[in-house]
C-alpha cells in the first residue's frame, strides 16, 4: 500500500496509486499571479482563490515536466467538460500531442450517451475509467495524477480509476480493447514523448470549471 510518505519520497512503489498524498508542502503548479503560466490574456484568472476561465482556452505551465505527481481539486458547473493535460509537446496542436485526463459531469443527461472513454478520470478517447467516481456538479472533487514514463495512474475521490501504460496504444485508430479512437487523436499514445507541458482545459462546452490546491512534486 502506498502511503503519503512513499509519495513524498518519489518511490517507484507508488504505482498503482491507492491513496491521495499529503501535498500541502508541495510546489504550486501555478503561482498566484499566474506569472509562470502561458495562456491567452484575460481568459484565465484567480477569483476568491479559485482558478477559472471565461472561455474554452487552455492554461499551460511554461516549464516541462516528466516523472511527477500532480494533486488538485476541481468543481464543475452543470454538464461541464474539461481536462487535465500532461506530456504536451505542441501547444498549438495539443490535442493529438498530449494525454488528456478527462473531467466530465458524468451525472449530466447531456453526456448520457457518450463513449466510456469520454468518462471522468479516464484517458480521453483512449481508456475508460474503472468506475464512476466523480461527484455531482457544484461539489469539490480531488484528483491525483501520477506519471512515470509511460505509466499513468489517476486517483479520483479515493478511487483508482486509471492505471495505464502508454506503450499499449500502438494504433491511432483502435484502443487495446478494440474500441475506436476519435479521429482527431491522430497519434498513437505509444509515440508520444513522456515529458512536456501540463495544462488545464477552460470553459469547454459552455459550463464553468474551477480548480484549487493545484500541487506538484517531481519524482526521482
N, C-alpha and C. Protein backbone atom coordinates (compact mmCIF):
# COMPACT_ATOMS: atom_id res chain seq x y z
N UNK A 1 0.85 -1.20 0.00
CA UNK A 1 0.00 0.00 0.00
C UNK A 1 0.88 1.24 0.00
N UNK A 2 0.46 2.26 -0.75
CA UNK A 2 1.25 3.47 -0.88
C UNK A 2 0.83 4.48 0.17
N UNK A 3 1.76 4.97 0.91
CA UNK A 3 1.48 5.99 1.91
C UNK A 3 1.87 7.35 1.38
N UNK A 4 1.44 8.40 2.10
CA UNK A 4 1.85 9.75 1.73
C UNK A 4 3.37 9.89 1.82
N UNK A 5 3.99 9.16 2.76
CA UNK A 5 5.44 9.21 2.91
C UNK A 5 6.13 8.66 1.67
N UNK A 6 5.61 7.56 1.13
CA UNK A 6 6.21 6.99 -0.07
C UNK A 6 6.10 7.94 -1.24
N UNK A 7 4.93 8.61 -1.34
CA UNK A 7 4.77 9.58 -2.41
C UNK A 7 5.75 10.72 -2.26
N UNK A 8 5.92 11.18 -1.05
CA UNK A 8 6.83 12.29 -0.82
C UNK A 8 8.25 11.92 -1.21
N UNK A 9 8.60 10.67 -1.05
CA UNK A 9 9.93 10.23 -1.40
C UNK A 9 10.09 9.90 -2.86
N UNK A 10 8.99 9.89 -3.62
CA UNK A 10 9.06 9.63 -5.04
C UNK A 10 9.46 8.21 -5.36
N UNK A 11 9.02 7.24 -4.60
CA UNK A 11 9.42 5.86 -4.80
C UNK A 11 8.63 5.21 -5.94
N UNK A 12 9.28 4.29 -6.64
CA UNK A 12 8.62 3.60 -7.74
C UNK A 12 7.43 2.78 -7.26
N UNK A 13 7.45 2.40 -5.96
CA UNK A 13 6.39 1.55 -5.43
C UNK A 13 5.05 2.27 -5.33
N UNK A 14 5.00 3.55 -5.70
CA UNK A 14 3.77 4.31 -5.63
C UNK A 14 2.73 3.81 -6.62
N UNK A 15 3.15 3.07 -7.65
CA UNK A 15 2.20 2.60 -8.66
C UNK A 15 1.69 1.22 -8.30
N UNK A 16 0.38 0.98 -8.40
CA UNK A 16 -0.66 1.98 -8.67
C UNK A 16 -1.02 2.79 -7.43
N UNK A 17 -1.57 3.97 -7.64
CA UNK A 17 -1.98 4.83 -6.53
C UNK A 17 -3.08 4.17 -5.71
N UNK A 18 -2.99 4.29 -4.40
CA UNK A 18 -4.02 3.76 -3.53
C UNK A 18 -4.57 4.79 -2.56
N UNK A 19 -3.90 5.94 -2.44
CA UNK A 19 -4.40 7.00 -1.56
C UNK A 19 -3.91 8.34 -2.07
N UNK A 20 -4.68 9.37 -1.78
CA UNK A 20 -4.24 10.72 -2.12
C UNK A 20 -3.10 11.12 -1.18
N UNK A 21 -2.09 11.81 -1.71
CA UNK A 21 -0.95 12.18 -0.88
C UNK A 21 -1.23 13.40 -0.02
N UNK A 22 -0.39 13.60 0.97
CA UNK A 22 -0.37 14.87 1.69
C UNK A 22 0.49 15.82 0.86
N UNK A 23 -0.16 16.65 0.06
CA UNK A 23 0.56 17.53 -0.86
C UNK A 23 0.67 18.95 -0.34
N UNK A 24 0.37 19.16 0.92
CA UNK A 24 0.35 20.51 1.48
C UNK A 24 1.70 21.22 1.38
N UNK A 25 2.79 20.46 1.41
CA UNK A 25 4.11 21.06 1.33
C UNK A 25 4.71 21.06 -0.07
N UNK A 26 3.93 20.65 -1.06
CA UNK A 26 4.43 20.58 -2.42
C UNK A 26 4.42 21.96 -3.08
N UNK A 27 5.05 22.03 -4.24
CA UNK A 27 5.11 23.25 -5.03
C UNK A 27 3.76 23.51 -5.70
N UNK A 28 3.34 24.79 -5.73
CA UNK A 28 2.16 25.16 -6.50
C UNK A 28 2.48 25.02 -7.99
N UNK A 29 1.57 24.41 -8.74
CA UNK A 29 1.80 24.29 -10.18
C UNK A 29 1.85 25.68 -10.81
N UNK A 30 0.94 26.55 -10.41
CA UNK A 30 0.90 27.93 -10.90
C UNK A 30 1.06 28.89 -9.72
N UNK A 31 1.81 29.95 -9.93
CA UNK A 31 1.93 30.99 -8.91
C UNK A 31 0.61 31.76 -8.82
N UNK A 32 0.34 32.41 -7.69
CA UNK A 32 -0.92 33.15 -7.54
C UNK A 32 -1.17 34.20 -8.62
N UNK A 33 -0.09 34.81 -9.13
CA UNK A 33 -0.26 35.81 -10.18
C UNK A 33 -0.17 35.22 -11.59
N UNK A 34 -0.05 33.89 -11.67
CA UNK A 34 0.00 33.16 -12.95
C UNK A 34 1.19 33.57 -13.82
N UNK A 35 2.23 34.11 -13.20
CA UNK A 35 3.39 34.56 -13.97
C UNK A 35 4.19 33.41 -14.57
N UNK A 36 4.01 32.21 -14.05
CA UNK A 36 4.72 31.05 -14.60
C UNK A 36 3.83 30.22 -15.51
N UNK A 37 2.74 30.83 -15.97
CA UNK A 37 1.79 30.15 -16.84
C UNK A 37 1.74 30.83 -18.21
N UNK A 38 1.28 30.07 -19.19
CA UNK A 38 1.10 30.59 -20.54
C UNK A 38 -0.36 30.39 -20.92
N UNK A 39 -1.04 31.48 -21.28
CA UNK A 39 -2.47 31.41 -21.61
C UNK A 39 -2.88 32.69 -22.34
N UNK A 40 -3.98 32.66 -23.10
CA UNK A 40 -4.45 33.87 -23.77
C UNK A 40 -4.82 34.94 -22.74
N UNK A 41 -4.37 36.13 -22.95
CA UNK A 41 -4.58 37.22 -22.00
C UNK A 41 -6.06 37.42 -21.69
N UNK A 42 -6.36 37.49 -20.39
CA UNK A 42 -7.72 37.78 -19.95
C UNK A 42 -8.64 36.59 -19.86
N UNK A 43 -8.19 35.41 -20.29
CA UNK A 43 -9.07 34.23 -20.30
C UNK A 43 -9.07 33.52 -18.96
N UNK A 44 -7.90 33.30 -18.40
CA UNK A 44 -7.77 32.62 -17.10
C UNK A 44 -7.49 33.64 -16.01
N UNK A 45 -8.06 33.42 -14.84
CA UNK A 45 -7.86 34.34 -13.73
C UNK A 45 -8.15 33.63 -12.41
N UNK A 46 -7.63 34.20 -11.34
CA UNK A 46 -7.86 33.68 -9.99
C UNK A 46 -8.90 34.57 -9.32
N UNK A 47 -9.97 33.94 -8.84
CA UNK A 47 -11.07 34.66 -8.19
C UNK A 47 -11.42 33.96 -6.89
N UNK A 48 -11.28 34.68 -5.78
CA UNK A 48 -11.54 34.11 -4.45
C UNK A 48 -10.73 32.84 -4.22
N UNK A 49 -9.51 32.84 -4.72
CA UNK A 49 -8.62 31.71 -4.54
C UNK A 49 -8.84 30.55 -5.48
N UNK A 50 -9.77 30.71 -6.43
CA UNK A 50 -10.09 29.64 -7.38
C UNK A 50 -9.60 30.03 -8.77
N UNK A 51 -8.98 29.08 -9.45
CA UNK A 51 -8.52 29.29 -10.82
C UNK A 51 -9.64 28.89 -11.77
N UNK A 52 -10.03 29.80 -12.66
CA UNK A 52 -11.11 29.51 -13.59
C UNK A 52 -10.87 30.25 -14.90
N UNK A 53 -11.70 29.96 -15.90
CA UNK A 53 -11.54 30.55 -17.22
C UNK A 53 -12.89 31.03 -17.74
N UNK A 54 -12.85 32.05 -18.59
CA UNK A 54 -14.07 32.60 -19.17
C UNK A 54 -14.37 32.02 -20.54
N UNK A 55 -13.39 31.33 -21.14
CA UNK A 55 -13.57 30.78 -22.48
C UNK A 55 -12.91 29.40 -22.57
N UNK A 56 -13.13 28.77 -23.71
CA UNK A 56 -12.56 27.44 -23.96
C UNK A 56 -11.13 27.58 -24.48
N UNK A 57 -10.23 27.94 -23.58
CA UNK A 57 -8.81 28.02 -23.88
C UNK A 57 -8.04 27.38 -22.74
N UNK A 58 -6.90 26.81 -23.05
CA UNK A 58 -6.11 26.12 -22.02
C UNK A 58 -5.13 27.06 -21.35
N UNK A 59 -4.75 26.71 -20.15
CA UNK A 59 -3.65 27.35 -19.45
C UNK A 59 -2.54 26.31 -19.32
N UNK A 60 -1.29 26.74 -19.56
CA UNK A 60 -0.16 25.81 -19.61
C UNK A 60 0.95 26.24 -18.67
N UNK A 61 1.68 25.29 -18.17
CA UNK A 61 2.93 25.60 -17.48
C UNK A 61 3.94 26.06 -18.52
N UNK A 62 4.81 26.98 -18.13
CA UNK A 62 5.91 27.35 -19.01
C UNK A 62 7.01 26.30 -18.98
N UNK A 63 7.02 25.55 -17.91
CA UNK A 63 8.03 24.52 -17.68
C UNK A 63 7.51 23.17 -18.16
N UNK A 64 8.41 22.32 -18.61
CA UNK A 64 8.05 20.95 -18.97
C UNK A 64 8.31 20.02 -17.79
N UNK A 65 7.51 18.97 -17.71
CA UNK A 65 7.61 18.03 -16.59
C UNK A 65 7.65 16.59 -17.09
N UNK A 66 8.44 15.77 -16.41
CA UNK A 66 8.41 14.33 -16.58
C UNK A 66 8.54 13.70 -15.20
N UNK A 67 7.95 12.54 -15.03
CA UNK A 67 8.02 11.82 -13.75
C UNK A 67 7.59 12.72 -12.59
N UNK A 68 6.29 12.78 -12.36
CA UNK A 68 5.75 13.69 -11.36
C UNK A 68 4.42 13.17 -10.82
N UNK A 69 4.00 13.79 -9.72
CA UNK A 69 2.66 13.58 -9.18
C UNK A 69 1.99 14.94 -9.11
N UNK A 70 0.81 15.04 -9.69
CA UNK A 70 0.00 16.25 -9.68
C UNK A 70 -1.24 16.00 -8.84
N UNK A 71 -1.49 16.88 -7.89
CA UNK A 71 -2.62 16.72 -6.98
C UNK A 71 -3.44 18.01 -7.02
N UNK A 72 -4.76 17.88 -7.19
CA UNK A 72 -5.59 19.08 -7.31
C UNK A 72 -7.03 18.78 -6.93
N UNK A 73 -7.80 19.86 -6.80
CA UNK A 73 -9.24 19.76 -6.60
C UNK A 73 -9.94 20.53 -7.72
N UNK A 74 -11.10 20.04 -8.13
CA UNK A 74 -11.88 20.74 -9.15
C UNK A 74 -13.37 20.68 -8.82
N UNK A 75 -14.07 21.69 -9.30
CA UNK A 75 -15.53 21.77 -9.15
C UNK A 75 -16.11 22.16 -10.50
N UNK A 76 -17.17 21.48 -10.90
CA UNK A 76 -17.76 21.68 -12.22
C UNK A 76 -19.09 22.41 -12.15
N UNK A 77 -19.39 23.16 -13.21
CA UNK A 77 -20.75 23.62 -13.44
C UNK A 77 -21.54 22.50 -14.08
N UNK A 78 -22.85 22.67 -14.21
CA UNK A 78 -23.70 21.65 -14.81
C UNK A 78 -23.23 21.30 -16.22
N UNK A 79 -23.06 20.02 -16.49
CA UNK A 79 -22.67 19.49 -17.80
C UNK A 79 -21.27 19.93 -18.23
N UNK A 80 -20.40 20.17 -17.27
CA UNK A 80 -19.04 20.61 -17.59
C UNK A 80 -18.25 19.53 -18.33
N UNK A 81 -17.31 20.00 -19.13
CA UNK A 81 -16.42 19.13 -19.89
C UNK A 81 -15.06 19.82 -19.91
N UNK A 82 -14.09 19.27 -19.20
CA UNK A 82 -12.78 19.89 -19.09
C UNK A 82 -11.72 18.79 -19.08
N UNK A 83 -10.52 19.11 -18.63
CA UNK A 83 -9.50 18.09 -18.60
C UNK A 83 -8.20 18.57 -18.00
N UNK A 84 -7.40 17.61 -17.58
CA UNK A 84 -6.02 17.84 -17.14
C UNK A 84 -5.12 17.24 -18.21
N UNK A 85 -4.20 18.03 -18.72
CA UNK A 85 -3.40 17.62 -19.86
C UNK A 85 -1.94 17.45 -19.43
N UNK A 86 -1.35 16.33 -19.79
CA UNK A 86 0.05 16.08 -19.46
C UNK A 86 0.82 15.70 -20.72
N UNK A 87 2.14 15.82 -20.62
CA UNK A 87 3.05 15.41 -21.70
C UNK A 87 2.78 16.16 -23.01
N UNK A 88 2.39 17.42 -22.93
CA UNK A 88 2.11 18.17 -24.16
C UNK A 88 3.40 18.67 -24.80
N UNK A 89 3.59 18.34 -26.07
CA UNK A 89 4.80 18.73 -26.79
C UNK A 89 4.55 19.80 -27.84
N UNK A 90 3.28 20.19 -28.04
CA UNK A 90 2.94 21.18 -29.07
C UNK A 90 1.69 21.94 -28.62
N UNK A 91 1.87 23.15 -28.11
CA UNK A 91 0.73 23.91 -27.58
C UNK A 91 -0.24 24.31 -28.68
N UNK A 92 0.24 24.53 -29.89
CA UNK A 92 -0.63 24.95 -30.97
C UNK A 92 -1.48 23.81 -31.52
N UNK A 93 -1.04 22.60 -31.31
CA UNK A 93 -1.77 21.42 -31.79
C UNK A 93 -1.74 20.37 -30.68
N UNK A 94 -2.29 20.75 -29.52
CA UNK A 94 -2.09 19.94 -28.32
C UNK A 94 -2.91 18.66 -28.30
N UNK A 95 -4.04 18.64 -28.97
CA UNK A 95 -4.95 17.50 -28.81
C UNK A 95 -4.30 16.17 -29.19
N UNK A 96 -3.65 16.03 -30.36
CA UNK A 96 -3.01 14.74 -30.65
C UNK A 96 -1.61 14.60 -30.06
N UNK A 97 -1.10 15.67 -29.47
CA UNK A 97 0.28 15.67 -28.99
C UNK A 97 0.37 15.78 -27.48
N UNK A 98 -0.54 15.12 -26.80
CA UNK A 98 -0.57 15.13 -25.34
C UNK A 98 -1.49 14.02 -24.87
N UNK A 99 -1.58 13.87 -23.56
CA UNK A 99 -2.53 12.93 -22.95
C UNK A 99 -3.48 13.75 -22.09
N UNK A 100 -4.77 13.57 -22.31
CA UNK A 100 -5.77 14.30 -21.53
C UNK A 100 -6.47 13.38 -20.55
N UNK A 101 -6.40 13.73 -19.27
CA UNK A 101 -7.21 13.04 -18.27
C UNK A 101 -8.54 13.77 -18.22
N UNK A 102 -9.59 13.09 -18.57
CA UNK A 102 -10.88 13.73 -18.77
C UNK A 102 -11.52 14.19 -17.47
N UNK A 103 -12.11 15.39 -17.51
CA UNK A 103 -13.01 15.87 -16.47
C UNK A 103 -14.37 16.06 -17.13
N UNK A 104 -15.37 15.39 -16.62
CA UNK A 104 -16.70 15.44 -17.23
C UNK A 104 -17.77 15.28 -16.16
N UNK A 105 -18.87 16.00 -16.33
CA UNK A 105 -20.02 15.83 -15.45
C UNK A 105 -20.76 14.57 -15.88
N UNK A 106 -20.29 13.43 -15.39
CA UNK A 106 -20.88 12.15 -15.77
C UNK A 106 -22.35 12.03 -15.38
N UNK A 107 -22.80 12.86 -14.45
CA UNK A 107 -24.18 12.79 -13.97
C UNK A 107 -25.15 13.55 -14.88
N UNK A 108 -24.63 14.33 -15.81
CA UNK A 108 -25.48 15.16 -16.67
C UNK A 108 -26.12 14.35 -17.80
N UNK A 109 -27.43 14.56 -18.05
CA UNK A 109 -28.08 13.90 -19.19
C UNK A 109 -27.42 14.24 -20.52
N UNK A 110 -26.76 15.39 -20.59
CA UNK A 110 -26.11 15.80 -21.84
C UNK A 110 -25.08 14.79 -22.30
N UNK A 111 -24.43 14.13 -21.34
CA UNK A 111 -23.35 13.20 -21.68
C UNK A 111 -23.74 11.74 -21.46
N UNK A 112 -25.03 11.47 -21.39
CA UNK A 112 -25.50 10.12 -21.07
C UNK A 112 -25.10 9.08 -22.11
N UNK A 113 -24.97 9.50 -23.36
CA UNK A 113 -24.73 8.55 -24.44
C UNK A 113 -23.30 8.55 -24.96
N UNK A 114 -22.40 9.24 -24.30
CA UNK A 114 -21.03 9.29 -24.81
C UNK A 114 -20.32 7.95 -24.59
N UNK A 115 -19.25 7.75 -25.33
CA UNK A 115 -18.46 6.52 -25.20
C UNK A 115 -17.83 6.44 -23.81
N UNK A 116 -17.61 5.23 -23.32
CA UNK A 116 -16.98 5.07 -22.00
C UNK A 116 -15.64 5.78 -21.86
N UNK A 117 -14.90 5.91 -22.97
CA UNK A 117 -13.59 6.56 -22.91
C UNK A 117 -13.68 8.08 -22.78
N UNK A 118 -14.91 8.60 -22.74
CA UNK A 118 -15.11 10.03 -22.51
C UNK A 118 -15.39 10.32 -21.04
N UNK A 119 -15.51 9.31 -20.20
CA UNK A 119 -15.94 9.49 -18.82
C UNK A 119 -14.83 10.09 -17.94
N UNK A 120 -15.27 10.70 -16.85
CA UNK A 120 -14.36 11.43 -15.96
C UNK A 120 -13.33 10.51 -15.32
N UNK A 121 -12.07 10.92 -15.41
CA UNK A 121 -10.98 10.17 -14.81
C UNK A 121 -10.27 9.23 -15.76
N UNK A 122 -10.85 9.03 -16.94
CA UNK A 122 -10.20 8.19 -17.94
C UNK A 122 -9.22 8.99 -18.79
N UNK A 123 -8.48 8.30 -19.64
CA UNK A 123 -7.64 8.98 -20.63
C UNK A 123 -8.52 9.23 -21.84
N UNK A 124 -8.83 10.49 -22.09
CA UNK A 124 -9.86 10.83 -23.07
C UNK A 124 -9.64 10.14 -24.41
N UNK A 125 -10.69 9.45 -24.86
CA UNK A 125 -10.66 8.79 -26.15
C UNK A 125 -9.89 7.49 -26.18
N UNK A 126 -9.20 7.16 -25.09
CA UNK A 126 -8.30 6.01 -25.10
C UNK A 126 -8.60 4.96 -24.03
N UNK A 127 -8.96 5.40 -22.84
CA UNK A 127 -9.12 4.45 -21.74
C UNK A 127 -10.26 4.90 -20.84
N UNK A 128 -11.26 4.05 -20.68
CA UNK A 128 -12.39 4.36 -19.81
C UNK A 128 -11.97 4.22 -18.35
N UNK A 129 -12.51 5.06 -17.46
CA UNK A 129 -12.22 4.87 -16.03
C UNK A 129 -12.77 3.54 -15.55
N UNK A 130 -12.14 2.99 -14.53
CA UNK A 130 -12.56 1.70 -14.00
C UNK A 130 -13.93 1.77 -13.33
N UNK A 131 -14.31 2.96 -12.85
CA UNK A 131 -15.61 3.14 -12.20
C UNK A 131 -15.96 4.62 -12.23
N UNK A 132 -17.25 4.92 -11.99
CA UNK A 132 -17.66 6.31 -11.86
C UNK A 132 -17.34 6.78 -10.44
N UNK A 133 -16.53 7.81 -10.33
CA UNK A 133 -16.13 8.30 -9.01
C UNK A 133 -16.34 9.80 -8.86
N UNK A 134 -16.71 10.48 -9.94
CA UNK A 134 -16.86 11.93 -9.88
C UNK A 134 -18.14 12.31 -9.13
N UNK A 135 -18.07 13.41 -8.41
CA UNK A 135 -19.23 13.91 -7.68
C UNK A 135 -20.09 14.78 -8.60
N UNK A 136 -21.27 15.12 -8.14
CA UNK A 136 -22.18 15.92 -8.95
C UNK A 136 -21.67 17.36 -9.07
N UNK A 137 -22.18 18.04 -10.09
CA UNK A 137 -21.81 19.44 -10.31
C UNK A 137 -22.04 20.26 -9.05
N UNK A 138 -21.10 21.15 -8.78
CA UNK A 138 -21.21 22.00 -7.60
C UNK A 138 -20.47 21.47 -6.39
N UNK A 139 -20.00 20.22 -6.44
CA UNK A 139 -19.25 19.63 -5.34
C UNK A 139 -17.77 19.55 -5.71
N UNK A 140 -16.92 19.63 -4.69
CA UNK A 140 -15.48 19.56 -4.94
C UNK A 140 -15.02 18.11 -5.07
N UNK A 141 -14.18 17.89 -6.08
CA UNK A 141 -13.56 16.59 -6.33
C UNK A 141 -12.05 16.70 -6.13
N UNK A 142 -11.45 15.60 -5.74
CA UNK A 142 -9.99 15.56 -5.65
C UNK A 142 -9.45 14.57 -6.67
N UNK A 143 -8.43 15.00 -7.39
CA UNK A 143 -7.79 14.15 -8.41
C UNK A 143 -6.28 14.17 -8.22
N UNK A 144 -5.69 12.98 -8.22
CA UNK A 144 -4.23 12.84 -8.18
C UNK A 144 -3.81 12.10 -9.44
N UNK A 145 -2.86 12.68 -10.17
CA UNK A 145 -2.35 12.09 -11.41
C UNK A 145 -0.86 11.81 -11.21
N UNK A 146 -0.48 10.56 -11.33
CA UNK A 146 0.92 10.16 -11.19
C UNK A 146 1.44 9.70 -12.54
N UNK A 147 2.55 10.29 -12.97
CA UNK A 147 3.13 9.97 -14.27
C UNK A 147 4.59 9.59 -14.10
N UNK A 148 4.94 8.40 -14.53
CA UNK A 148 6.34 7.98 -14.57
C UNK A 148 6.57 7.28 -15.91
N UNK A 149 7.25 7.98 -16.82
CA UNK A 149 7.44 7.42 -18.14
C UNK A 149 6.10 7.17 -18.81
N UNK A 150 5.92 5.95 -19.30
CA UNK A 150 4.68 5.60 -20.00
C UNK A 150 3.54 5.23 -19.05
N UNK A 151 3.81 5.15 -17.76
CA UNK A 151 2.80 4.73 -16.79
C UNK A 151 2.06 5.96 -16.24
N UNK A 152 0.74 5.92 -16.32
CA UNK A 152 -0.10 6.99 -15.78
C UNK A 152 -1.17 6.38 -14.90
N UNK A 153 -1.26 6.85 -13.67
CA UNK A 153 -2.31 6.43 -12.74
C UNK A 153 -3.12 7.65 -12.33
N UNK A 154 -4.42 7.44 -12.18
CA UNK A 154 -5.32 8.52 -11.78
C UNK A 154 -6.18 8.05 -10.62
N UNK A 155 -6.15 8.82 -9.54
CA UNK A 155 -6.99 8.57 -8.38
C UNK A 155 -8.02 9.69 -8.31
N UNK A 156 -9.29 9.34 -8.28
CA UNK A 156 -10.37 10.32 -8.24
C UNK A 156 -11.24 10.05 -7.02
N UNK A 157 -11.25 11.00 -6.10
CA UNK A 157 -12.04 10.87 -4.87
C UNK A 157 -11.78 9.54 -4.16
N UNK A 158 -10.49 9.19 -4.08
CA UNK A 158 -10.09 7.99 -3.36
C UNK A 158 -10.20 6.69 -4.14
N UNK A 159 -10.63 6.75 -5.38
CA UNK A 159 -10.80 5.55 -6.20
C UNK A 159 -9.78 5.55 -7.34
N UNK A 160 -9.10 4.41 -7.52
CA UNK A 160 -8.19 4.27 -8.66
C UNK A 160 -9.03 4.07 -9.91
N UNK A 161 -9.07 5.07 -10.77
CA UNK A 161 -9.92 5.00 -11.96
C UNK A 161 -9.12 4.72 -13.22
N UNK A 162 -7.82 4.99 -13.20
CA UNK A 162 -6.98 4.72 -14.37
C UNK A 162 -5.61 4.22 -13.93
N UNK A 163 -5.15 3.17 -14.57
CA UNK A 163 -3.79 2.66 -14.42
C UNK A 163 -3.39 2.16 -15.80
N UNK A 164 -2.67 2.99 -16.55
CA UNK A 164 -2.43 2.71 -17.96
C UNK A 164 -0.95 2.80 -18.30
N UNK A 165 -0.56 2.01 -19.29
CA UNK A 165 0.79 2.07 -19.85
C UNK A 165 0.65 2.51 -21.30
N UNK A 166 1.18 3.67 -21.63
CA UNK A 166 1.00 4.24 -22.96
C UNK A 166 1.59 3.35 -24.05
N UNK A 167 2.52 2.48 -23.70
CA UNK A 167 3.11 1.58 -24.69
C UNK A 167 2.07 0.66 -25.32
N UNK A 168 0.95 0.46 -24.63
CA UNK A 168 -0.09 -0.44 -25.14
C UNK A 168 -0.89 0.17 -26.28
N UNK A 169 -0.80 1.49 -26.47
CA UNK A 169 -1.59 2.17 -27.50
C UNK A 169 -0.72 2.40 -28.74
N UNK A 170 -0.58 1.37 -29.55
CA UNK A 170 0.27 1.44 -30.73
C UNK A 170 -0.47 1.88 -31.98
N UNK A 171 -1.79 1.99 -31.90
CA UNK A 171 -2.62 2.39 -33.03
C UNK A 171 -3.26 3.75 -32.76
N UNK A 172 -3.50 4.51 -33.81
CA UNK A 172 -4.22 5.78 -33.69
C UNK A 172 -5.70 5.60 -34.01
N UNK A 173 -6.11 4.38 -34.31
CA UNK A 173 -7.50 4.13 -34.69
C UNK A 173 -8.24 3.24 -33.71
N UNK A 174 -7.54 2.29 -33.11
CA UNK A 174 -8.18 1.35 -32.20
C UNK A 174 -7.43 1.31 -30.86
N UNK A 175 -8.21 1.30 -29.79
CA UNK A 175 -7.63 1.11 -28.47
C UNK A 175 -7.30 -0.36 -28.25
N UNK A 176 -6.48 -0.68 -27.25
CA UNK A 176 -6.16 -2.09 -26.99
C UNK A 176 -7.38 -2.98 -26.79
N UNK A 177 -8.49 -2.41 -26.29
CA UNK A 177 -9.70 -3.21 -26.09
C UNK A 177 -10.57 -3.29 -27.33
N UNK A 178 -10.11 -2.69 -28.44
CA UNK A 178 -10.84 -2.75 -29.69
C UNK A 178 -11.77 -1.58 -29.95
N UNK A 179 -12.00 -0.74 -28.97
CA UNK A 179 -12.87 0.42 -29.16
C UNK A 179 -12.19 1.45 -30.05
N UNK A 180 -13.00 2.28 -30.69
CA UNK A 180 -12.48 3.25 -31.64
C UNK A 180 -11.93 4.49 -30.93
N UNK A 181 -10.86 5.02 -31.49
CA UNK A 181 -10.27 6.27 -31.01
C UNK A 181 -10.82 7.41 -31.86
N UNK A 182 -11.24 8.52 -31.26
CA UNK A 182 -11.71 9.66 -32.06
C UNK A 182 -10.66 10.07 -33.08
N UNK A 183 -11.08 10.41 -34.31
CA UNK A 183 -10.12 10.68 -35.39
C UNK A 183 -9.19 11.86 -35.12
N UNK A 184 -9.62 12.80 -34.28
CA UNK A 184 -8.75 13.95 -34.02
C UNK A 184 -7.58 13.61 -33.09
N UNK A 185 -7.63 12.43 -32.47
CA UNK A 185 -6.49 11.95 -31.68
C UNK A 185 -5.62 11.11 -32.61
N UNK A 186 -4.88 11.77 -33.47
CA UNK A 186 -4.27 11.14 -34.63
C UNK A 186 -2.88 10.55 -34.41
N UNK A 187 -2.37 10.60 -33.17
CA UNK A 187 -1.07 9.99 -32.89
C UNK A 187 -1.23 8.90 -31.85
N UNK A 188 -0.64 7.74 -32.07
CA UNK A 188 -0.69 6.70 -31.04
C UNK A 188 -0.02 7.17 -29.75
N UNK A 189 -0.61 6.84 -28.62
CA UNK A 189 -0.03 7.25 -27.35
C UNK A 189 1.39 6.71 -27.17
N UNK A 190 1.66 5.55 -27.75
CA UNK A 190 2.98 4.94 -27.61
C UNK A 190 4.08 5.78 -28.25
N UNK A 191 3.70 6.69 -29.16
CA UNK A 191 4.69 7.52 -29.85
C UNK A 191 4.94 8.85 -29.16
N UNK A 192 4.14 9.18 -28.15
CA UNK A 192 4.26 10.48 -27.51
C UNK A 192 5.48 10.55 -26.60
N UNK A 193 6.06 11.73 -26.52
CA UNK A 193 7.13 11.96 -25.55
C UNK A 193 6.55 11.89 -24.15
N UNK A 194 7.34 11.45 -23.20
CA UNK A 194 6.87 11.35 -21.82
C UNK A 194 7.43 12.51 -20.98
N UNK A 195 7.59 13.63 -21.64
CA UNK A 195 7.96 14.89 -20.99
C UNK A 195 7.28 16.00 -21.76
N UNK A 196 6.69 16.96 -21.04
CA UNK A 196 6.04 18.06 -21.73
C UNK A 196 5.34 19.00 -20.77
N UNK A 197 4.60 19.92 -21.34
CA UNK A 197 3.87 20.90 -20.54
C UNK A 197 2.66 20.24 -19.88
N UNK A 198 2.24 20.84 -18.79
CA UNK A 198 1.00 20.44 -18.12
C UNK A 198 -0.02 21.55 -18.35
N UNK A 199 -1.26 21.17 -18.64
CA UNK A 199 -2.29 22.16 -18.91
C UNK A 199 -3.62 21.81 -18.29
N UNK A 200 -4.48 22.81 -18.20
CA UNK A 200 -5.86 22.64 -17.77
C UNK A 200 -6.76 23.21 -18.85
N UNK A 201 -7.84 22.50 -19.14
CA UNK A 201 -8.78 22.95 -20.16
C UNK A 201 -9.78 23.92 -19.53
N UNK A 202 -10.15 24.95 -20.29
CA UNK A 202 -11.01 26.00 -19.76
C UNK A 202 -12.49 25.70 -19.85
N UNK A 203 -13.27 26.73 -20.11
CA UNK A 203 -14.73 26.64 -20.12
C UNK A 203 -15.20 25.96 -21.39
N UNK A 204 -14.98 24.68 -21.46
CA UNK A 204 -15.30 23.89 -22.65
C UNK A 204 -16.73 23.40 -22.55
N UNK A 205 -17.50 23.55 -23.64
CA UNK A 205 -18.89 23.10 -23.63
C UNK A 205 -19.84 24.07 -22.95
N UNK A 206 -19.35 25.27 -22.61
CA UNK A 206 -20.22 26.29 -22.06
C UNK A 206 -20.41 26.28 -20.56
N UNK A 207 -19.86 25.29 -19.87
CA UNK A 207 -20.03 25.20 -18.42
C UNK A 207 -18.73 25.55 -17.72
N UNK A 208 -18.79 26.25 -16.60
CA UNK A 208 -17.57 26.66 -15.91
C UNK A 208 -16.88 25.50 -15.20
N UNK A 209 -15.59 25.68 -14.97
CA UNK A 209 -14.78 24.73 -14.22
C UNK A 209 -13.88 25.53 -13.28
N UNK A 210 -13.71 25.03 -12.07
CA UNK A 210 -12.91 25.73 -11.06
C UNK A 210 -11.87 24.77 -10.50
N UNK A 211 -10.65 25.29 -10.27
CA UNK A 211 -9.57 24.49 -9.71
C UNK A 211 -9.00 25.19 -8.48
N UNK A 212 -8.51 24.38 -7.53
CA UNK A 212 -7.83 24.93 -6.36
C UNK A 212 -6.82 23.90 -5.85
N UNK A 213 -5.90 24.36 -5.00
CA UNK A 213 -4.90 23.48 -4.38
C UNK A 213 -4.19 22.61 -5.42
N UNK A 214 -3.69 23.25 -6.45
CA UNK A 214 -3.02 22.53 -7.55
C UNK A 214 -1.54 22.40 -7.19
N UNK A 215 -1.13 21.22 -6.81
CA UNK A 215 0.21 20.98 -6.30
C UNK A 215 0.94 19.94 -7.15
N UNK A 216 2.26 20.08 -7.21
CA UNK A 216 3.04 19.12 -8.00
C UNK A 216 4.33 18.77 -7.28
N UNK A 217 4.76 17.53 -7.47
CA UNK A 217 6.04 17.06 -6.95
C UNK A 217 6.72 16.21 -8.00
N UNK A 218 7.96 16.53 -8.29
CA UNK A 218 8.73 15.71 -9.22
C UNK A 218 9.16 14.43 -8.52
N UNK A 219 9.25 13.35 -9.29
CA UNK A 219 9.72 12.08 -8.78
C UNK A 219 11.18 11.88 -9.15
N UNK A 220 11.89 11.16 -8.31
CA UNK A 220 13.31 10.88 -8.56
C UNK A 220 13.45 9.92 -9.74
